[in-house]
Protein backbone atom coordinates (compact mmCIF):
# COMPACT_ATOMS: atom_id res chain seq x y z
CA UNK A 1 -18.37 -11.70 10.30
CA UNK A 2 -16.89 -15.14 10.92
CA UNK A 3 -13.29 -15.49 9.75
CA UNK A 4 -12.13 -18.91 8.65
CA UNK A 5 -8.75 -20.16 9.92
CA UNK A 6 -7.65 -20.62 6.31
CA UNK A 7 -8.28 -16.92 5.64
CA UNK A 8 -6.35 -15.91 8.77
CA UNK A 9 -3.43 -18.01 7.55
CA UNK A 10 -3.61 -16.42 4.10
CA UNK A 11 -3.67 -12.94 5.60
CA UNK A 12 -0.67 -13.88 7.74
CA UNK A 13 1.17 -14.91 4.60
CA UNK A 14 0.22 -11.62 2.95
CA UNK A 15 1.47 -9.67 5.97
CA UNK A 16 4.71 -11.66 5.91
CA UNK A 17 5.12 -11.00 2.19
CA UNK A 18 4.49 -7.28 2.79
CA UNK A 19 7.25 -7.19 5.42
CA UNK A 20 9.72 -9.08 3.23
CA UNK A 21 9.01 -6.85 0.21
CA UNK A 22 9.26 -3.72 2.38
CA UNK A 23 12.62 -4.88 3.79
CA UNK A 24 13.93 -5.87 0.36
CA UNK A 25 12.95 -2.52 -1.13
CA UNK A 26 14.72 -0.65 1.66
CA UNK A 27 17.99 -2.10 0.33
CA UNK A 28 17.42 -0.68 -3.17
CA UNK A 29 18.83 2.81 -3.84
CA UNK A 30 16.17 5.50 -4.25
CA UNK A 31 16.34 8.41 -6.72
CA UNK A 32 14.98 10.70 -3.97
CA UNK A 33 14.65 9.90 -0.25
CA UNK A 34 10.88 9.30 -0.28
CA UNK A 35 10.58 7.89 -3.81
CA UNK A 36 10.23 4.13 -4.13
CA UNK A 37 8.04 1.67 -5.97
CA UNK A 38 6.17 0.51 -2.87
CA UNK A 39 6.52 -3.25 -3.29
CA UNK A 40 5.32 -3.77 0.29
CA UNK A 41 1.95 -2.40 -0.77
CA UNK A 42 1.38 -5.24 -3.24
CA UNK A 43 0.09 -7.66 -0.56
CA UNK A 44 -2.04 -4.86 0.92
CA UNK A 45 -3.72 -4.34 -2.43
CA UNK A 46 -4.19 -8.09 -2.95
CA UNK A 47 -5.73 -8.33 0.54
CA UNK A 48 -8.06 -5.42 -0.21
CA UNK A 49 -9.36 -7.00 -3.41
CA UNK A 50 -9.48 -10.53 -1.99
CA UNK A 51 -10.72 -10.00 1.58
CA UNK A 52 -11.89 -6.40 1.93
CA UNK A 53 -10.90 -3.21 3.72
CA UNK A 54 -10.46 -4.45 7.28
CA UNK A 55 -8.05 -7.28 6.44
CA UNK A 56 -6.11 -4.98 4.09
CA UNK A 57 -5.75 -2.44 6.92
CA UNK A 58 -4.45 -5.21 9.19
CA UNK A 59 -1.84 -6.26 6.60
CA UNK A 60 -0.81 -2.62 6.15
CA UNK A 61 -0.56 -1.99 9.91
CA UNK A 62 1.56 -5.11 10.45
CA UNK A 63 3.85 -4.07 7.60
CA UNK A 64 4.15 -0.56 9.04
CA UNK A 65 4.92 -1.62 12.62
CA UNK A 66 7.29 -4.50 11.83
CA UNK A 67 8.94 -2.52 9.03
CA UNK A 68 9.43 0.39 11.42
CA UNK A 69 10.98 -1.90 14.01
CA UNK A 70 13.27 -3.55 11.45
CA UNK A 71 14.42 -0.25 9.98
CA UNK A 72 14.96 1.37 13.37
CA UNK A 73 12.59 4.20 12.52
CA UNK A 74 9.63 3.10 14.63
CA UNK A 75 7.70 6.16 15.88
CA UNK A 76 10.12 8.56 14.21
CA UNK A 77 9.05 11.33 11.82
CA UNK A 78 9.31 9.15 8.69
CA UNK A 79 7.29 6.43 10.43
CA UNK A 80 4.52 8.85 11.41
CA UNK A 81 4.42 10.54 7.99
CA UNK A 82 4.51 7.20 6.14
CA UNK A 83 1.90 5.72 8.47
CA UNK A 84 -0.42 8.67 8.01
CA UNK A 85 0.04 8.52 4.26
CA UNK A 86 -0.59 4.76 4.31
CA UNK A 87 -3.84 5.31 6.21
CA UNK A 88 -4.95 7.97 3.73
CA UNK A 89 -4.10 5.63 0.86
CA UNK A 90 -6.12 2.82 2.44
CA UNK A 91 -9.10 5.12 3.01
CA UNK A 92 -9.09 6.29 -0.61
CA UNK A 93 -8.74 2.76 -2.01
CA UNK A 94 -11.61 1.48 0.16
CA UNK A 95 -13.79 4.42 -0.91
CA UNK A 96 -12.94 3.90 -4.60
CA UNK A 97 -13.56 0.14 -4.31
CA UNK A 98 -17.02 0.83 -2.88
CA UNK A 99 -17.90 2.77 -6.03
CA UNK A 100 -19.03 -0.55 -7.50
CA UNK A 101 -16.24 -1.77 -9.74
CA UNK A 102 -15.69 1.54 -11.49
CA UNK A 103 -11.91 0.99 -11.35
CA UNK A 104 -9.75 -2.08 -11.90
CA UNK A 105 -7.08 -3.16 -9.43
CA UNK A 106 -4.65 -0.99 -11.43
CA UNK A 107 -6.95 2.00 -10.98
CA UNK A 108 -7.27 1.27 -7.25
CA UNK A 109 -3.52 1.16 -6.95
CA UNK A 110 -3.07 4.46 -8.77
CA UNK A 111 -5.70 6.15 -6.57
CA UNK A 112 -3.94 4.77 -3.48
CA UNK A 113 -0.52 5.94 -4.68
CA UNK A 114 -1.87 9.42 -5.46
CA UNK A 115 -3.43 9.66 -1.99
CA UNK A 116 -0.22 8.43 -0.40
CA UNK A 117 1.98 10.96 -2.17
CA UNK A 118 -0.37 13.89 -1.57
CA UNK A 119 -0.90 13.13 2.11
CA UNK A 120 2.82 12.49 2.58
CA UNK A 121 3.57 15.98 1.23
CA UNK A 122 0.87 17.54 3.42
CA UNK A 123 2.10 15.74 6.54
CA UNK A 124 5.77 16.49 5.84
CA UNK A 125 5.02 20.17 5.16
CA UNK A 126 3.05 20.34 8.40
CA UNK A 127 5.85 18.61 10.28
CA UNK A 128 8.58 20.97 9.12
CA UNK A 129 6.27 23.98 9.01
CA UNK A 130 7.16 25.00 5.47
CA UNK A 131 4.94 24.91 2.39
CA UNK A 132 7.93 24.86 0.04
CA UNK A 133 7.64 21.08 -0.14
CA UNK A 134 4.63 21.53 -2.41
CA UNK A 135 7.06 22.47 -5.17
CA UNK A 136 7.62 18.71 -5.35
CA UNK A 137 3.95 18.09 -6.18
CA UNK A 138 4.41 17.46 -9.95
CA UNK A 139 7.22 14.99 -9.26
CA UNK A 140 5.20 13.32 -6.50
CA UNK A 141 2.15 12.93 -8.75
CA UNK A 142 4.23 11.53 -11.61
CA UNK A 143 5.88 9.12 -9.19
CA UNK A 144 2.44 8.04 -7.94
CA UNK A 145 1.21 7.33 -11.46
CA UNK A 146 4.27 5.23 -12.28
CA UNK A 147 4.50 3.35 -8.98
CA UNK A 148 0.73 2.94 -8.62
CA UNK A 149 0.46 1.62 -12.15
CA UNK A 150 3.34 -0.81 -11.68
CA UNK A 151 2.06 -2.15 -8.34
CA UNK A 152 -1.45 -2.37 -9.80
CA UNK A 153 -0.21 -4.44 -12.73
CA UNK A 154 1.71 -6.71 -10.35
CA UNK A 155 -1.41 -7.09 -8.21
CA UNK A 156 -3.52 -7.90 -11.27
CA UNK A 157 -1.02 -10.58 -12.29
CA UNK A 158 -0.75 -11.92 -8.72
CA UNK A 159 -4.52 -12.16 -8.32
CA UNK A 160 -4.73 -14.06 -11.61
CA UNK A 161 -2.08 -16.51 -10.44
CA UNK A 162 -3.78 -16.98 -7.07
CA UNK A 163 -7.07 -17.65 -8.81
CA UNK A 164 -5.43 -20.21 -11.14
CA UNK A 165 -4.06 -22.25 -8.24
CA UNK A 166 -7.34 -22.08 -6.35
CA UNK A 167 -5.97 -19.95 -3.53
CA UNK A 168 -8.92 -17.60 -3.80
CA UNK A 169 -12.48 -18.85 -3.46
CA UNK A 170 -14.73 -18.78 -6.51
CA UNK A 171 -16.31 -15.38 -6.89
CA UNK A 172 -14.02 -13.85 -4.25
CA UNK A 173 -12.72 -11.34 -6.76
């Protein structure tokens, strides 16, 4: 597939936005160490809906690597667990998107958040070798519904604004 320079520039802007949102969110206090809204995933979701799975994975990978370098946690346990959960989330969102428009961008976001939380618990439990973390499953699922819904609504609004200003090609959504 031929990629236009304009699309590369737009994906670069999305990756930059993902990094900035990730860094900003790291400054906000969290109710629990792993629990956050996931603002850095907003550009990933917009890239998925606008450009497809491959470009969204690139935006996510750039966010993960640069965010890991900025936070000082590159290649540490949280980086590996978060990266694995991010990959699982991407896989689920791509699979759900291929179901032919069965879910809106809000639904995609919720599916991605659920996959992220579940895989994060599985990876963390495997890392520490204790299944007691699964006691957090109800809280993790509730968190996924709230954060996935919020990010999905923000993505829906963002995509509408991008379409209004002509940033997205006709029929791209």
